[in-house]
Amino acid sequence: VRFEGGKLPSSIGGLIHLRFLSLYDAGVSHLPSSMRNLKFLLYLNLIVAAEEPVHVPNVLKEMLELRYLFLPWFMHDKTKLELGDLVNLEHLWSFSTQHSSVTDLLRMTKLRSLSVSLSGRCTFETLSSSLRQLRNLETLYLDFRYKTYTVDYVGELDLDFIHLKELGLTGRMSKIPDQHQFPPLLEHISLFNCRMEEDPMPILERLLHLKSVKLTYDAFVGRRMLCSKGGFPQLSALEISKKSKLEEWIVEEGS
């Protein structure tokens, strides 16, 4: 639905027994502080797809039962959210170090899926030390596009998550990290806006459990790609952006 003035009515706070609330694509630009009363929420989706930044009051910290939390893609610059007490979270999407402290992740040891946007003054070392506690992660998306420099950040992060099956990386890097820097049982990888000039396939094809590879939005800007014999033993899906600059793709027999 569309709410008048883009404001979710404050009367939403009266629904104190609510367990599920989704504002997906609702165009909301303001959330009322009365939402602090929704202490029994298990699922909250705030991906409102608004064209303007969303005003989110610092009330989520009181929703201690939350299992699923999807934050807005864009929030006001001055937004500060305290999420460290949400220790029951299993799925956290669109977490941004601009609006929350990365150390809030330290206590979320039940997390199974997480997407993080790294911006502001947060360092890779700080992020890595926080992620290291999340040993149950199965899905991890890291977005570094708002950093102002190119960095091979995967090499600086400890991604040795034994349970991690799906990994997404967004941001500039000169080349794909080495094979041993990826999770050992990785099944799905998505690369966005990496602008790699070096062919990533010689590394990716050695990840023996990979079932899908996605290269989109200028992930690879080179002209030549090689998939060699015996590589990708389990691959069943490959997606390459239609805007790819690829001119030559060699697939050897048995790849």
Protein backbone atom coordinates (compact mmCIF):
# COMPACT_ATOMS: atom_id res chain seq x y z
CA VAL A 1 0.00 0.00 0.00
CA ARG A 2 0.93 3.67 -0.12
CA PHE A 3 0.63 5.67 3.10
CA GLU A 4 -0.32 9.35 3.06
CA GLY A 5 2.78 11.50 3.17
CA GLY A 6 4.95 8.39 3.19
CA LYS A 7 4.41 8.05 6.94
CA LEU A 8 3.52 4.79 8.62
CA PRO A 9 0.72 5.64 11.11
CA SER A 10 1.81 5.79 14.74
CA SER A 11 -1.15 3.54 15.57
CA ILE A 12 0.98 0.62 14.31
CA GLY A 13 2.45 0.68 17.83
CA GLY A 14 -0.86 -0.55 19.21
CA LEU A 15 -0.44 -3.95 17.56
CA ILE A 16 1.64 -5.18 20.45
CA HIS A 17 1.16 -8.89 19.70
CA LEU A 18 2.35 -8.58 16.10
CA ARG A 19 4.87 -11.24 15.04
CA PHE A 20 5.30 -10.40 11.33
CA LEU A 21 5.52 -6.98 9.66
CA SER A 22 6.61 -6.41 6.07
CA LEU A 23 6.76 -2.94 4.53
CA TYR A 24 8.42 -4.27 1.38
CA ASP A 25 7.94 -1.78 -1.50
CA ALA A 26 5.49 0.31 0.55
CA GLY A 27 7.25 3.60 -0.23
CA VAL A 28 7.41 4.60 3.43
CA SER A 29 9.84 7.42 4.27
CA HIS A 30 9.11 7.81 8.00
CA LEU A 31 8.75 5.14 10.68
CA PRO A 32 7.09 6.18 13.97
CA SER A 33 8.80 5.85 17.34
CA SER A 34 5.71 3.94 18.54
CA MET A 35 7.19 0.90 16.80
CA ARG A 36 9.20 0.38 19.99
CA ASN A 37 6.05 -1.31 21.35
CA LEU A 38 6.31 -4.19 18.87
CA LYS A 39 8.47 -6.24 21.21
CA PHE A 40 7.24 -9.64 19.98
CA LEU A 41 8.17 -9.19 16.32
CA LEU A 42 9.97 -12.17 14.83
CA TYR A 43 10.13 -10.81 11.26
CA LEU A 44 10.57 -7.18 10.18
CA ASN A 45 11.13 -6.14 6.57
CA LEU A 46 11.92 -2.43 6.06
CA ILE A 47 13.01 -2.62 2.41
CA VAL A 48 10.46 0.01 1.50
CA ALA A 49 11.99 0.92 -1.88
CA ALA A 50 11.45 4.62 -1.19
CA GLU A 51 13.10 7.08 -3.57
CA GLU A 52 14.21 9.18 -0.61
CA PRO A 53 16.17 8.10 2.49
CA VAL A 54 14.07 6.51 5.21
CA HIS A 55 13.80 7.97 8.71
CA VAL A 56 14.29 5.08 11.14
CA PRO A 57 14.14 5.92 14.86
CA ASN A 58 16.43 4.00 17.18
CA VAL A 59 13.73 1.59 18.37
CA LEU A 60 14.83 -1.72 16.85
CA LYS A 61 17.10 -2.41 19.83
CA GLU A 62 14.00 -3.25 21.90
CA MET A 63 12.73 -5.97 19.55
CA LEU A 64 14.67 -8.70 21.30
CA GLU A 65 12.73 -11.59 19.75
CA LEU A 66 13.62 -10.67 16.15
CA ARG A 67 14.84 -13.53 13.97
CA TYR A 68 14.65 -11.79 10.56
CA LEU A 69 15.55 -8.13 10.03
CA PHE A 70 15.77 -6.43 6.62
CA LEU A 71 16.91 -2.81 6.91
CA PRO A 72 16.22 -0.09 4.29
CA TRP A 73 18.71 0.29 1.45
CA PHE A 74 18.94 4.03 2.16
CA MET A 75 18.60 5.80 5.51
CA HIS A 76 19.20 9.40 6.59
CA ASP A 77 22.91 10.11 7.10
CA LYS A 78 22.46 10.88 10.79
CA THR A 79 20.57 7.65 11.49
CA LYS A 80 22.16 5.65 14.32
CA LEU A 81 20.79 2.23 15.19
CA GLU A 82 21.82 0.13 18.19
CA LEU A 83 21.42 -3.53 17.31
CA GLY A 84 23.85 -5.26 19.67
CA ASP A 85 21.11 -6.71 21.90
CA LEU A 86 19.39 -8.55 19.04
CA VAL A 87 21.15 -11.79 19.93
CA ASN A 88 18.40 -14.00 18.48
CA LEU A 89 18.80 -12.70 14.93
CA GLU A 90 19.31 -15.41 12.32
CA HIS A 91 19.03 -13.24 9.18
CA LEU A 92 20.22 -9.63 8.94
CA TRP A 93 20.13 -7.80 5.63
CA SER A 94 21.46 -4.36 4.60
CA PHE A 95 23.49 -3.82 7.77
CA SER A 96 25.58 -0.67 7.23
CA THR A 97 28.59 0.43 9.24
CA GLN A 98 27.51 4.01 8.49
CA HIS A 99 24.40 3.65 10.63
CA SER A 100 25.40 0.96 13.15
CA SER A 101 28.54 -0.12 14.94
CA VAL A 102 30.17 -3.16 13.37
CA THR A 103 30.85 -4.45 16.88
CA ASP A 104 27.06 -4.93 17.24
CA LEU A 105 27.61 -8.10 15.23
CA LEU A 106 29.79 -9.65 17.92
CA ARG A 107 26.88 -11.01 19.97
CA MET A 108 24.77 -12.16 17.01
CA THR A 109 26.25 -15.65 17.08
CA LYS A 110 23.06 -17.25 15.72
CA LEU A 111 23.30 -15.40 12.39
CA ARG A 112 23.00 -17.66 9.36
CA SER A 113 22.71 -14.97 6.66
CA LEU A 114 24.16 -11.47 6.64
CA SER A 115 24.70 -8.65 4.19
CA VAL A 116 27.07 -5.83 5.20
CA SER A 117 27.78 -2.49 3.57
CA LEU A 118 31.16 -1.15 4.66
CA SER A 119 31.44 2.62 4.70
CA GLY A 120 32.68 5.44 6.88
CA ARG A 121 35.67 4.81 9.11
CA CYS A 122 35.18 1.09 9.64
CA THR A 123 38.36 -0.78 8.79
CA PHE A 124 38.67 -4.22 7.26
CA GLU A 125 40.45 -5.38 10.41
CA THR A 126 37.54 -4.30 12.61
CA LEU A 127 35.02 -5.95 10.32
CA SER A 128 37.02 -9.15 10.19
CA SER A 129 37.28 -9.42 13.98
CA SER A 130 33.50 -9.00 14.28
CA LEU A 131 32.69 -11.52 11.56
CA ARG A 132 35.04 -14.05 13.13
CA GLN A 133 32.48 -14.69 15.87
CA LEU A 134 29.76 -15.69 13.40
CA ARG A 135 30.68 -19.32 12.94
CA ASN A 136 27.17 -20.37 11.85
CA LEU A 137 27.06 -18.14 8.75
CA GLU A 138 25.79 -19.87 5.62
CA THR A 139 25.25 -16.75 3.44
CA LEU A 140 27.43 -13.62 3.44
CA TYR A 141 27.26 -10.57 1.15
CA LEU A 142 29.91 -7.86 1.51
CA ASP A 143 29.49 -4.49 -0.19
CA PHE A 144 32.55 -2.23 -0.37
CA ARG A 145 31.49 -0.03 -3.26
CA TYR A 146 31.33 3.05 -1.02
CA LYS A 147 34.99 2.78 -0.12
CA THR A 148 37.01 5.31 -2.08
CA TYR A 149 39.91 3.03 -2.95
CA THR A 150 40.49 -0.28 -4.68
CA VAL A 151 41.39 -3.08 -2.32
CA ASP A 152 41.70 -6.84 -2.49
CA TYR A 153 39.62 -7.02 0.63
CA VAL A 154 38.93 -10.74 0.68
CA GLY A 155 42.61 -11.32 1.33
CA GLU A 156 42.33 -9.06 4.38
CA LEU A 157 39.25 -10.79 5.76
CA ASP A 158 39.06 -14.11 7.53
CA LEU A 159 36.43 -15.93 5.44
CA ASP A 160 37.22 -19.41 6.63
CA PHE A 161 33.61 -20.12 7.60
CA ILE A 162 33.18 -23.86 7.58
CA HIS A 163 29.41 -23.62 6.97
CA LEU A 164 29.45 -20.79 4.40
CA LYS A 165 27.74 -21.88 1.19
CA GLU A 166 26.93 -18.55 -0.50
CA LEU A 167 29.20 -15.50 -0.89
CA GLY A 168 28.57 -12.19 -2.62
CA LEU A 169 31.22 -9.50 -3.14
CA THR A 170 30.57 -5.97 -4.38
CA GLY A 171 33.39 -3.47 -4.86
CA ARG A 172 36.61 -2.78 -6.72
CA MET A 173 39.39 -5.34 -6.65
CA SER A 174 42.17 -5.86 -9.12
CA LYS A 175 41.91 -9.66 -9.23
CA ILE A 176 40.13 -12.58 -7.66
CA PRO A 177 41.67 -13.77 -4.35
CA ASP A 178 43.56 -17.03 -4.20
CA GLN A 179 41.73 -20.33 -3.91
CA HIS A 180 42.71 -20.94 -0.28
CA GLN A 181 41.17 -17.60 0.80
CA PHE A 182 37.66 -18.79 0.00
CA PRO A 183 35.43 -20.86 2.30
CA PRO A 184 36.19 -24.56 1.78
CA LEU A 185 32.62 -25.70 0.99
CA LEU A 186 31.45 -22.67 -1.02
CA GLU A 187 28.62 -23.51 -3.44
CA HIS A 188 27.49 -20.13 -4.80
CA ILE A 189 29.45 -16.95 -5.54
CA SER A 190 28.22 -13.61 -6.89
CA LEU A 191 30.57 -10.83 -7.96
CA PHE A 192 29.35 -7.28 -8.65
CA ASN A 193 31.16 -4.10 -9.72
CA CYS A 194 34.59 -5.64 -9.06
CA ARG A 195 36.05 -4.42 -12.38
CA MET A 196 38.62 -7.21 -12.39
CA GLU A 197 40.94 -7.10 -15.37
CA GLU A 198 42.38 -10.54 -14.68
CA ASP A 199 40.34 -13.62 -15.64
CA PRO A 200 38.77 -15.03 -12.42
CA MET A 201 38.02 -18.45 -13.91
CA PRO A 202 41.41 -20.14 -13.25
CA ILE A 203 40.78 -19.56 -9.52
CA LEU A 204 37.02 -20.15 -9.42
CA GLU A 205 37.19 -23.41 -11.36
CA ARG A 206 39.31 -24.92 -8.57
CA LEU A 207 36.57 -24.41 -5.96
CA LEU A 208 35.32 -27.96 -6.20
CA HIS A 209 31.89 -27.46 -4.60
CA LEU A 210 30.80 -24.46 -6.69
CA LYS A 211 27.35 -24.90 -8.23
CA SER A 212 26.72 -21.36 -9.46
CA VAL A 213 28.79 -18.33 -10.50
CA LYS A 214 27.36 -14.89 -11.18
CA LEU A 215 29.47 -12.15 -12.83
CA THR A 216 27.38 -8.99 -13.24
CA TYR A 217 27.64 -5.20 -13.34
CA ASP A 218 31.24 -5.05 -14.60
CA ALA A 219 32.50 -7.80 -12.30
CA PHE A 220 35.04 -8.76 -14.99
CA VAL A 221 36.10 -6.16 -17.55
CA GLY A 222 38.66 -8.26 -19.42
CA ARG A 223 38.27 -9.41 -23.01
CA ARG A 224 39.31 -13.07 -22.70
CA MET A 225 38.08 -15.88 -20.45
CA LEU A 226 39.33 -19.47 -20.16
CA CYS A 227 37.62 -22.44 -18.52
CA SER A 228 40.14 -25.27 -18.54
CA LYS A 229 39.76 -29.02 -18.69
CA GLY A 230 38.57 -30.59 -15.45
CA GLY A 231 37.50 -27.28 -13.90
CA PHE A 232 34.11 -26.63 -12.26
CA PRO A 233 33.23 -30.28 -11.60
CA GLN A 234 29.82 -29.40 -10.07
CA LEU A 235 28.88 -26.12 -11.79
CA SER A 236 25.27 -26.03 -13.00
CA ALA A 237 24.63 -22.29 -13.46
CA LEU A 238 26.75 -19.46 -14.89
CA GLU A 239 25.47 -15.91 -15.30
CA ILE A 240 27.47 -13.27 -17.15
CA SER A 241 26.23 -9.69 -17.49
CA LYS A 242 24.86 -8.81 -20.91
CA LYS A 243 27.02 -5.68 -20.77
CA SER A 244 30.18 -7.76 -20.48
CA LYS A 245 33.20 -6.69 -22.53
CA LEU A 246 34.02 -10.33 -23.20
CA GLU A 247 35.23 -11.02 -26.75
CA GLU A 248 36.73 -14.51 -26.46
CA TRP A 249 35.58 -17.37 -24.22
CA ILE A 250 37.49 -20.64 -24.40
CA VAL A 251 35.83 -23.68 -22.82
CA GLU A 252 38.07 -26.73 -22.95
CA GLU A 253 36.60 -30.21 -23.21
CA GLY A 254 35.62 -31.56 -19.80
CA SER A 255 35.19 -28.17 -18.16
